[in-house]
C-alpha atoms as a PDB file:
ATOM      1  CA  MET A   1      -6.337 -32.573  90.780  1.00  0.00           C
ATOM      2  CA  GLN A   2      -3.404 -31.145  88.846  1.00  0.00           C
ATOM      3  CA  ARG A   3      -1.143 -32.840  86.467  1.00  0.00           C
ATOM      4  CA  SER A   4       2.465 -33.285  87.580  1.00  0.00           C
ATOM      5  CA  ASP A   5       3.809 -31.309  84.587  1.00  0.00           C
ATOM      6  CA  GLN A   6       1.566 -28.300  85.427  1.00  0.00           C
ATOM      7  CA  LYS A   7       2.925 -28.112  88.931  1.00  0.00           C
ATOM      8  CA  GLU A   8       6.451 -28.159  87.690  1.00  0.00           C
ATOM      9  CA  SER A   9       5.722 -25.292  85.189  1.00  0.00           C
ATOM     10  CA  GLU A  10       4.100 -23.240  87.907  1.00  0.00           C
ATOM     11  CA  ARG A  11       7.086 -23.721  90.172  1.00  0.00           C
ATOM     12  CA  SER A  12       9.523 -22.677  87.502  1.00  0.00           C
ATOM     13  CA  VAL A  13       7.498 -19.527  86.820  1.00  0.00           C
ATOM     14  CA  ASP A  14       7.456 -18.720  90.523  1.00  0.00           C
ATOM     15  CA  ASP A  15      11.266 -19.396  90.716  1.00  0.00           C
ATOM     16  CA  ILE A  16      11.859 -17.000  87.819  1.00  0.00           C
ATOM     17  CA  LEU A  17       9.760 -14.348  89.229  1.00  0.00           C
ATOM     18  CA  ALA A  18      11.339 -14.690  92.647  1.00  0.00           C
ATOM     19  CA  GLY A  19      14.855 -14.534  91.060  1.00  0.00           C
ATOM     20  CA  LEU A  20      14.143 -11.225  89.361  1.00  0.00           C
ATOM     21  CA  ASN A  21      14.210  -9.203  92.637  1.00  0.00           C
ATOM     22  CA  LEU A  22      11.960  -6.447  91.401  1.00  0.00           C
ATOM     23  CA  ASP A  23      11.990  -4.693  94.639  1.00  0.00           C
ATOM     24  CA  ASP A  24      15.637  -3.862  94.940  1.00  0.00           C
ATOM     25  CA  ASP A  25      18.173  -2.289  92.538  1.00  0.00           C
ATOM     26  CA  GLU A  26      20.871  -4.813  92.951  1.00  0.00           C
ATOM     27  CA  PRO A  27      21.794  -6.560  89.620  1.00  0.00           C
ATOM     28  CA  THR A  28      20.962 -10.185  89.264  1.00  0.00           C
ATOM     29  CA  PRO A  29      22.062 -12.419  86.427  1.00  0.00           C
ATOM     30  CA  GLN A  30      18.540 -12.115  84.933  1.00  0.00           C
ATOM     31  CA  LYS A  31      18.648  -8.333  85.044  1.00  0.00           C
ATOM     32  CA  GLN A  32      22.158  -8.179  83.682  1.00  0.00           C
ATOM     33  CA  SER A  33      21.249 -10.379  80.708  1.00  0.00           C
ATOM     34  CA  LYS A  34      18.273  -8.158  79.900  1.00  0.00           C
ATOM     35  CA  ARG A  35      20.299  -5.014  80.021  1.00  0.00           C
ATOM     36  CA  GLY A  36      23.083  -6.609  77.946  1.00  0.00           C
ATOM     37  CA  GLY A  37      25.598  -6.610  80.801  1.00  0.00           C
ATOM     38  CA  GLY A  38      28.480  -8.656  79.574  1.00  0.00           C
ATOM     39  CA  ARG A  39      32.118  -8.744  80.242  1.00  0.00           C
ATOM     40  CA  LEU A  40      32.561  -5.044  79.703  1.00  0.00           C
ATOM     41  CA  SER A  41      29.644  -3.780  81.700  1.00  0.00           C
ATOM     42  CA  GLY A  42      31.869  -2.813  84.686  1.00  0.00           C
ATOM     43  CA  VAL A  43      34.622  -1.412  82.547  1.00  0.00           C
ATOM     44  CA  PHE A  44      32.853   1.107  80.270  1.00  0.00           C
ATOM     45  CA  SER A  45      29.791   3.179  80.878  1.00  0.00           C
ATOM     46  CA  ALA A  46      28.239   4.900  77.862  1.00  0.00           C
ATOM     47  CA  ARG A  47      26.587   7.510  80.152  1.00  0.00           C
ATOM     48  CA  ALA A  48      29.838   8.502  81.896  1.00  0.00           C
ATOM     49  CA  PHE A  49      31.480   8.623  78.469  1.00  0.00           C
ATOM     50  CA  LEU A  50      28.971  11.091  77.120  1.00  0.00           C
ATOM     51  CA  ILE A  51      29.216  13.275  80.116  1.00  0.00           C
ATOM     52  CA  ALA A  52      33.014  13.149  79.988  1.00  0.00           C
ATOM     53  CA  LEU A  53      32.875  13.964  76.215  1.00  0.00           C
ATOM     54  CA  VAL A  54      30.634  16.962  76.831  1.00  0.00           C
ATOM     55  CA  LEU A  55      32.835  18.121  79.640  1.00  0.00           C
ATOM     56  CA  SER A  56      36.030  17.636  77.577  1.00  0.00           C
ATOM     57  CA  ILE A  57      34.639  19.622  74.596  1.00  0.00           C
ATOM     58  CA  GLY A  58      33.402  22.343  76.910  1.00  0.00           C
ATOM     59  CA  GLY A  59      36.758  22.524  78.650  1.00  0.00           C
ATOM     60  CA  LEU A  60      38.571  22.553  75.355  1.00  0.00           C
ATOM     61  CA  LEU A  61      36.436  25.414  74.040  1.00  0.00           C
ATOM     62  CA  VAL A  62      36.735  27.470  77.317  1.00  0.00           C
ATOM     63  CA  GLY A  63      40.517  26.714  77.606  1.00  0.00           C
ATOM     64  CA  GLY A  64      41.070  27.589  73.923  1.00  0.00           C
ATOM     65  CA  ALA A  65      39.276  30.945  74.395  1.00  0.00           C
ATOM     66  CA  ILE A  66      41.804  32.298  76.830  1.00  0.00           C
ATOM     67  CA  PRO A  67      43.916  34.818  74.673  1.00  0.00           C
ATOM     68  CA  ILE A  68      47.448  34.343  75.741  1.00  0.00           C
ATOM     69  CA  VAL A  69      47.531  30.577  76.508  1.00  0.00           C
ATOM     70  CA  GLY A  70      44.872  29.402  74.054  1.00  0.00           C
ATOM     71  CA  PHE A  71      46.801  26.414  72.622  1.00  0.00           C
ATOM     72  CA  ILE A  72      47.919  25.206  76.163  1.00  0.00           C
ATOM     73  CA  GLY A  73      44.568  26.186  77.550  1.00  0.00           C
ATOM     74  CA  ARG A  74      42.815  23.470  75.474  1.00  0.00           C
ATOM     75  CA  PHE A  75      44.699  20.763  77.265  1.00  0.00           C
ATOM     76  CA  ALA A  76      44.068  22.550  80.603  1.00  0.00           C
ATOM     77  CA  GLY A  77      40.450  22.402  79.809  1.00  0.00           C
ATOM     78  CA  ILE A  78      40.467  18.753  79.079  1.00  0.00           C
ATOM     79  CA  ALA A  79      42.371  18.159  82.256  1.00  0.00           C
ATOM     80  CA  ALA A  80      39.844  20.309  84.152  1.00  0.00           C
ATOM     81  CA  ALA A  81      37.070  18.115  82.752  1.00  0.00           C
ATOM     82  CA  GLY A  82      38.866  14.929  83.836  1.00  0.00           C
ATOM     83  CA  PHE A  83      39.484  16.514  87.313  1.00  0.00           C
ATOM     84  CA  LEU A  84      35.849  17.245  87.635  1.00  0.00           C
ATOM     85  CA  MET A  85      34.883  13.637  86.736  1.00  0.00           C
ATOM     86  CA  GLY A  86      37.356  12.332  89.236  1.00  0.00           C
ATOM     87  CA  LEU A  87      36.247  14.756  91.936  1.00  0.00           C
ATOM     88  CA  VAL A  88      32.538  14.221  91.522  1.00  0.00           C
ATOM     89  CA  GLY A  89      32.358  10.608  90.343  1.00  0.00           C
ATOM     90  CA  SER A  90      32.185   7.686  92.729  1.00  0.00           C
ATOM     91  CA  LYS A  91      33.869   5.252  90.453  1.00  0.00           C
ATOM     92  CA  ARG A  92      37.137   5.314  88.501  1.00  0.00           C
ATOM     93  CA  ARG A  93      36.345   6.302  84.923  1.00  0.00           C
ATOM     94  CA  TYR A  94      39.758   6.321  83.292  1.00  0.00           C
ATOM     95  CA  VAL A  95      38.615   4.687  80.116  1.00  0.00           C
ATOM     96  CA  GLU A  96      35.693   7.049  79.628  1.00  0.00           C
ATOM     97  CA  VAL A  97      37.755  10.229  80.361  1.00  0.00           C
ATOM     98  CA  GLY A  98      40.747   9.026  78.267  1.00  0.00           C
ATOM     99  CA  LEU A  99      38.596   8.264  75.294  1.00  0.00           C
ATOM    100  CA  ALA A 100      36.618  11.506  75.615  1.00  0.00           C
ATOM    101  CA  GLY A 101      39.848  13.575  75.861  1.00  0.00           C
ATOM    102  CA  ALA A 102      41.273  11.631  72.842  1.00  0.00           C
ATOM    103  CA  ILE A 103      38.214  12.372  70.684  1.00  0.00           C
ATOM    104  CA  ALA A 104      37.855  16.035  71.718  1.00  0.00           C
ATOM    105  CA  SER A 105      41.605  16.812  71.299  1.00  0.00           C
ATOM    106  CA  GLY A 106      42.034  14.744  68.056  1.00  0.00           C
ATOM    107  CA  PHE A 107      39.104  16.642  66.348  1.00  0.00           C
ATOM    108  CA  ALA A 108      40.309  19.992  67.702  1.00  0.00           C
ATOM    109  CA  PHE A 109      43.826  19.419  66.169  1.00  0.00           C
ATOM    110  CA  VAL A 110      42.377  18.491  62.861  1.00  0.00           C
ATOM    111  CA  LEU A 111      39.833  21.335  62.792  1.00  0.00           C
ATOM    112  CA  SER A 112      42.478  23.896  63.839  1.00  0.00           C
ATOM    113  CA  THR A 113      44.665  22.712  60.998  1.00  0.00           C
ATOM    114  CA  LEU A 114      41.767  23.056  58.551  1.00  0.00           C
ATOM    115  CA  PHE A 115      41.658  26.794  59.209  1.00  0.00           C
ATOM    116  CA  SER A 116      45.286  27.490  58.289  1.00  0.00           C
ATOM    117  CA  ILE A 117      46.327  28.668  54.908  1.00  0.00           C
ATOM    118  CA  PHE A 118      48.163  25.529  53.882  1.00  0.00           C
ATOM    119  CA  ALA A 119      45.434  23.192  55.155  1.00  0.00           C
ATOM    120  CA  ILE A 120      45.053  20.844  52.088  1.00  0.00           C
ATOM    121  CA  PRO A 121      48.596  20.009  51.400  1.00  0.00           C
ATOM    122  CA  LEU A 122      49.386  19.877  55.277  1.00  0.00           C
ATOM    123  CA  LEU A 123      46.435  17.539  56.041  1.00  0.00           C
ATOM    124  CA  ALA A 124      47.207  15.406  52.934  1.00  0.00           C
ATOM    125  CA  GLU A 125      50.835  14.918  54.140  1.00  0.00           C
ATOM    126  CA  TYR A 126      50.572  14.920  57.943  1.00  0.00           C
ATOM    127  CA  GLY A 127      46.892  14.475  58.762  1.00  0.00           C
ATOM    128  CA  LEU A 128      47.226  11.259  60.531  1.00  0.00           C
ATOM    129  CA  ALA A 129      50.266  12.507  62.610  1.00  0.00           C
ATOM    130  CA  ILE A 130      48.424  15.676  63.516  1.00  0.00           C
ATOM    131  CA  ALA A 131      45.360  13.775  64.721  1.00  0.00           C
ATOM    132  CA  GLY A 132      47.639  11.230  66.487  1.00  0.00           C
ATOM    133  CA  VAL A 133      49.424  14.135  68.512  1.00  0.00           C
ATOM    134  CA  GLY A 134      45.999  15.414  69.371  1.00  0.00           C
ATOM    135  CA  VAL A 135      44.727  12.085  70.485  1.00  0.00           C
ATOM    136  CA  VAL A 136      47.755  11.166  72.573  1.00  0.00           C
ATOM    137  CA  SER A 137      47.885  14.633  74.263  1.00  0.00           C
ATOM    138  CA  GLY A 138      44.215  14.602  74.895  1.00  0.00           C
ATOM    139  CA  VAL A 139      44.376  11.173  76.503  1.00  0.00           C
ATOM    140  CA  LEU A 140      47.264  12.290  78.723  1.00  0.00           C
ATOM    141  CA  ALA A 141      45.577  15.512  79.799  1.00  0.00           C
ATOM    142  CA  GLY A 142      42.241  13.726  80.559  1.00  0.00           C
ATOM    143  CA  LEU A 143      43.929  10.913  82.508  1.00  0.00           C
ATOM    144  CA  VAL A 144      46.294  13.261  84.442  1.00  0.00           C
ATOM    145  CA  GLY A 145      43.251  15.400  85.439  1.00  0.00           C
ATOM    146  CA  HIS A 146      41.154  12.438  86.401  1.00  0.00           C
ATOM    147  CA  TYR A 147      43.878  11.041  88.555  1.00  0.00           C
ATOM    148  CA  PHE A 148      44.345  14.289  90.464  1.00  0.00           C
ATOM    149  CA  GLY A 149      40.608  14.788  90.855  1.00  0.00           C
ATOM    150  CA  ARG A 150      40.316  11.247  92.441  1.00  0.00           C
ATOM    151  CA  ASP A 151      43.435  11.869  94.542  1.00  0.00           C
ATOM    152  CA  LEU A 152      41.926  15.177  95.932  1.00  0.00           C
ATOM    153  CA  LYS A 153      38.525  13.407  96.607  1.00  0.00           C
ATOM    154  CA  ASP A 154      40.451  10.604  98.387  1.00  0.00           C
ATOM    155  CA  GLY A 155      42.327  13.090 100.514  1.00  0.00           C
ATOM    156  CA  LEU A 156      39.176  15.150 101.384  1.00  0.00           C
ATOM    157  CA  THR A 157      37.077  12.009 102.360  1.00  0.00           C
ATOM    158  CA  ARG A 158      39.807  10.088 104.253  1.00  0.00           C
ATOM    159  CA  ASP A 159      39.707  10.026 108.039  1.00  0.00           C
ATOM    160  CA  LEU A 160      42.679  11.520 109.849  1.00  0.00           C
END
């Protein structure tokens, strides 16, 4: 004969194990709390951000290597990275692509200024403004590219 409190504890363990849904990949509240899924779990993905950052830096380097349009090519490379993320991705990743474009372009603006002859006085006086222009233009290039990539994907996958 079992004690009544032992039956209750066994049932609660069974209920917990049944609630985990170990066989499927759908998120449950228990799984989300273990993974740290909170309010922002659907808004920002660190994995997508890292992919977008690598693509943005790669696009910036490739676009900047074009001899005649080197400066404009940087933004075209960031836009191409956003375009690729929008074309290939299944979800909207505007936050990740915008942040990646901002970081890549902001650092590129500051680093390109470091290699100029008047770098120290120029950065001391206008460093924040230079980084700000880079950040804003990188965000815009990434977001525009991502928008057009998603738009093309939508047009290619839509039924006529």
